[in-house]
Amino acid sequence: MTHHRTKHRRREHNAVWKRMKNGRITVQPVQSRRGDKIVWDATRTGDGIALFFPDRRLFGRQMMHVKAGQTAKLKVLARNDIVTVYPYAIFFLEWHTFGQGSSPIIIVRE
């Protein structure tokens, strides 16, 4: 019997956040697979955003700055290992605040 492995079609996932009336910024979890790209869009902010990744296995880096008006894409590098949930932080320079989400904000690798 031959087992066929289903090839994963690479996808792009947008990191989504929303600024509330009270100034709080909520960030939704992102679900992805190895090889997918996650997109951070700083075109809706008056200033850039700073991203922090405690586990560098996810993207091969621990921090990144996205300038105002630009978009950044990072490819998910994490191999199939035990860790499937990766916390990260996003700081909005214009509003001088960190995004809040699923305590902490996470990227889930399927």
C-alpha atoms as a PDB file:
ATOM      1  CA  MET A   1       0.000   0.000   0.000  1.00  0.00           C
ATOM      2  CA  THR A   2       1.373   3.385  -0.982  1.00  0.00           C
ATOM      3  CA  HIS A   3       0.737   6.412   1.196  1.00  0.00           C
ATOM      4  CA  HIS A   4       0.407   9.690  -0.621  1.00  0.00           C
ATOM      5  CA  ARG A   5       1.263  12.776   1.288  1.00  0.00           C
ATOM      6  CA  THR A   6      -0.998  15.665   0.468  1.00  0.00           C
ATOM      7  CA  LYS A   7       1.068  18.599  -0.671  1.00  0.00           C
ATOM      8  CA  HIS A   8       0.318  21.752   1.237  1.00  0.00           C
ATOM      9  CA  ARG A   9      -0.498  24.731  -0.912  1.00  0.00           C
ATOM     10  CA  ARG A  10       1.401  27.732   0.410  1.00  0.00           C
ATOM     11  CA  ARG A  11      -0.840  30.500   1.634  1.00  0.00           C
ATOM     12  CA  GLU A  12      -0.572  34.044   2.895  1.00  0.00           C
ATOM     13  CA  HIS A  13      -2.253  35.020   6.154  1.00  0.00           C
ATOM     14  CA  ASN A  14      -2.901  38.593   7.203  1.00  0.00           C
ATOM     15  CA  ALA A  15      -2.251  39.526  10.805  1.00  0.00           C
ATOM     16  CA  VAL A  16      -5.455  41.327  11.766  1.00  0.00           C
ATOM     17  CA  TRP A  17      -5.876  43.985  14.451  1.00  0.00           C
ATOM     18  CA  LYS A  18      -8.522  46.498  15.393  1.00  0.00           C
ATOM     19  CA  ARG A  19      -8.222  49.736  17.377  1.00  0.00           C
ATOM     20  CA  MET A  20     -11.068  50.082  19.855  1.00  0.00           C
ATOM     21  CA  LYS A  21     -12.643  53.384  20.960  1.00  0.00           C
ATOM     22  CA  ASN A  22     -10.903  53.093  24.334  1.00  0.00           C
ATOM     23  CA  GLY A  23      -7.517  52.997  22.537  1.00  0.00           C
ATOM     24  CA  ARG A  24      -6.974  49.283  23.151  1.00  0.00           C
ATOM     25  CA  ILE A  25      -5.778  47.333  20.121  1.00  0.00           C
ATOM     26  CA  THR A  26      -6.966  43.750  19.772  1.00  0.00           C
ATOM     27  CA  VAL A  27      -5.031  41.263  17.659  1.00  0.00           C
ATOM     28  CA  GLN A  28      -6.447  37.986  16.356  1.00  0.00           C
ATOM     29  CA  PRO A  29      -4.456  34.712  16.397  1.00  0.00           C
ATOM     30  CA  VAL A  30      -2.928  33.672  13.051  1.00  0.00           C
ATOM     31  CA  GLN A  31      -3.050  30.053  11.880  1.00  0.00           C
ATOM     32  CA  SER A  32      -0.412  28.880   9.433  1.00  0.00           C
ATOM     33  CA  ARG A  33       1.707  25.981   8.218  1.00  0.00           C
ATOM     34  CA  ARG A  34       5.385  25.711   7.419  1.00  0.00           C
ATOM     35  CA  GLY A  35       6.090  27.562   4.181  1.00  0.00           C
ATOM     36  CA  ASP A  36       3.110  29.916   4.528  1.00  0.00           C
ATOM     37  CA  LYS A  37       3.707  33.654   4.722  1.00  0.00           C
ATOM     38  CA  ILE A  38       2.296  35.923   7.372  1.00  0.00           C
ATOM     39  CA  VAL A  39       1.633  39.514   6.317  1.00  0.00           C
ATOM     40  CA  TRP A  40       1.829  42.566   8.594  1.00  0.00           C
ATOM     41  CA  ASP A  41       0.349  45.681   7.025  1.00  0.00           C
ATOM     42  CA  ALA A  42       1.494  49.026   8.441  1.00  0.00           C
ATOM     43  CA  THR A  43      -0.337  51.054   5.778  1.00  0.00           C
ATOM     44  CA  ARG A  44      -3.215  51.712   8.198  1.00  0.00           C
ATOM     45  CA  THR A  45      -0.996  53.176  10.911  1.00  0.00           C
ATOM     46  CA  GLY A  46       0.416  56.684  11.003  1.00  0.00           C
ATOM     47  CA  ASP A  47       3.713  55.237  12.107  1.00  0.00           C
ATOM     48  CA  GLY A  48       5.381  51.847  11.908  1.00  0.00           C
ATOM     49  CA  ILE A  49       5.024  48.698  13.957  1.00  0.00           C
ATOM     50  CA  ALA A  50       7.605  46.641  15.806  1.00  0.00           C
ATOM     51  CA  LEU A  51       7.299  42.853  16.004  1.00  0.00           C
ATOM     52  CA  PHE A  52       8.947  40.628  18.614  1.00  0.00           C
ATOM     53  CA  PHE A  53       9.248  36.831  18.313  1.00  0.00           C
ATOM     54  CA  PRO A  54      10.690  35.108  21.424  1.00  0.00           C
ATOM     55  CA  ASP A  55      11.226  31.833  19.513  1.00  0.00           C
ATOM     56  CA  ARG A  56      13.440  32.507  16.505  1.00  0.00           C
ATOM     57  CA  ARG A  57      12.620  29.065  15.013  1.00  0.00           C
ATOM     58  CA  LEU A  58       9.352  30.500  13.702  1.00  0.00           C
ATOM     59  CA  PHE A  59      10.839  33.035  11.249  1.00  0.00           C
ATOM     60  CA  GLY A  60      14.605  32.825  11.782  1.00  0.00           C
ATOM     61  CA  ARG A  61      14.630  36.192  13.587  1.00  0.00           C
ATOM     62  CA  GLN A  62      13.468  37.645  16.872  1.00  0.00           C
ATOM     63  CA  MET A  63      12.387  41.131  15.887  1.00  0.00           C
ATOM     64  CA  MET A  64      11.403  43.220  12.913  1.00  0.00           C
ATOM     65  CA  HIS A  65      10.325  46.803  12.250  1.00  0.00           C
ATOM     66  CA  VAL A  66       7.750  47.600   9.560  1.00  0.00           C
ATOM     67  CA  LYS A  67       7.830  51.232   8.457  1.00  0.00           C
ATOM     68  CA  ALA A  68       4.647  53.267   8.146  1.00  0.00           C
ATOM     69  CA  GLY A  69       2.923  52.712   4.822  1.00  0.00           C
ATOM     70  CA  GLN A  70       4.720  49.419   4.170  1.00  0.00           C
ATOM     71  CA  THR A  71       3.833  45.752   4.315  1.00  0.00           C
ATOM     72  CA  ALA A  72       6.094  42.941   5.509  1.00  0.00           C
ATOM     73  CA  LYS A  73       5.834  39.221   4.768  1.00  0.00           C
ATOM     74  CA  LEU A  74       7.630  36.549   6.757  1.00  0.00           C
ATOM     75  CA  LYS A  75       7.793  32.904   5.752  1.00  0.00           C
ATOM     76  CA  VAL A  76       7.024  30.356   8.480  1.00  0.00           C
ATOM     77  CA  LEU A  77      10.186  28.264   8.896  1.00  0.00           C
ATOM     78  CA  ALA A  78       9.308  26.209  11.964  1.00  0.00           C
ATOM     79  CA  ARG A  79       9.657  22.495  11.362  1.00  0.00           C
ATOM     80  CA  ASN A  80       7.221  19.904  12.601  1.00  0.00           C
ATOM     81  CA  ASP A  81       8.144  19.709  16.237  1.00  0.00           C
ATOM     82  CA  ILE A  82       6.360  19.723  19.543  1.00  0.00           C
ATOM     83  CA  VAL A  83       5.892  23.497  19.692  1.00  0.00           C
ATOM     84  CA  THR A  84       2.904  24.528  17.619  1.00  0.00           C
ATOM     85  CA  VAL A  85       1.862  27.747  19.351  1.00  0.00           C
ATOM     86  CA  TYR A  86       4.258  30.681  19.146  1.00  0.00           C
ATOM     87  CA  PRO A  87       3.631  33.833  21.169  1.00  0.00           C
ATOM     88  CA  TYR A  88       4.675  37.162  19.700  1.00  0.00           C
ATOM     89  CA  ALA A  89       4.242  40.840  20.489  1.00  0.00           C
ATOM     90  CA  ILE A  90       3.349  43.772  18.266  1.00  0.00           C
ATOM     91  CA  PHE A  91       4.006  47.389  19.281  1.00  0.00           C
ATOM     92  CA  PHE A  92       2.206  50.223  17.497  1.00  0.00           C
ATOM     93  CA  LEU A  93       4.563  53.218  17.384  1.00  0.00           C
ATOM     94  CA  GLU A  94       1.851  55.789  16.611  1.00  0.00           C
ATOM     95  CA  TRP A  95      -0.295  54.813  19.580  1.00  0.00           C
ATOM     96  CA  HIS A  96       2.619  53.898  21.919  1.00  0.00           C
ATOM     97  CA  THR A  97       0.969  50.637  22.919  1.00  0.00           C
ATOM     98  CA  PHE A  98       1.237  46.886  22.511  1.00  0.00           C
ATOM     99  CA  GLY A  99      -1.534  44.940  20.825  1.00  0.00           C
ATOM    100  CA  GLN A 100      -3.606  42.691  23.069  1.00  0.00           C
ATOM    101  CA  GLY A 101      -4.923  39.345  22.059  1.00  0.00           C
ATOM    102  CA  SER A 102      -5.170  35.794  23.133  1.00  0.00           C
ATOM    103  CA  SER A 103      -2.902  36.409  26.158  1.00  0.00           C
ATOM    104  CA  PRO A 104      -0.347  36.491  24.615  1.00  0.00           C
ATOM    105  CA  ILE A 105      -0.914  37.069  20.911  1.00  0.00           C
ATOM    106  CA  ILE A 106      -0.132  33.815  19.109  1.00  0.00           C
ATOM    107  CA  ILE A 107       0.717  32.228  15.781  1.00  0.00           C
ATOM    108  CA  VAL A 108      -0.528  28.635  15.531  1.00  0.00           C
ATOM    109  CA  ARG A 109       1.450  26.311  13.266  1.00  0.00           C
ATOM    110  CA  GLU A 110      -0.798  23.486  12.046  1.00  0.00           C
END
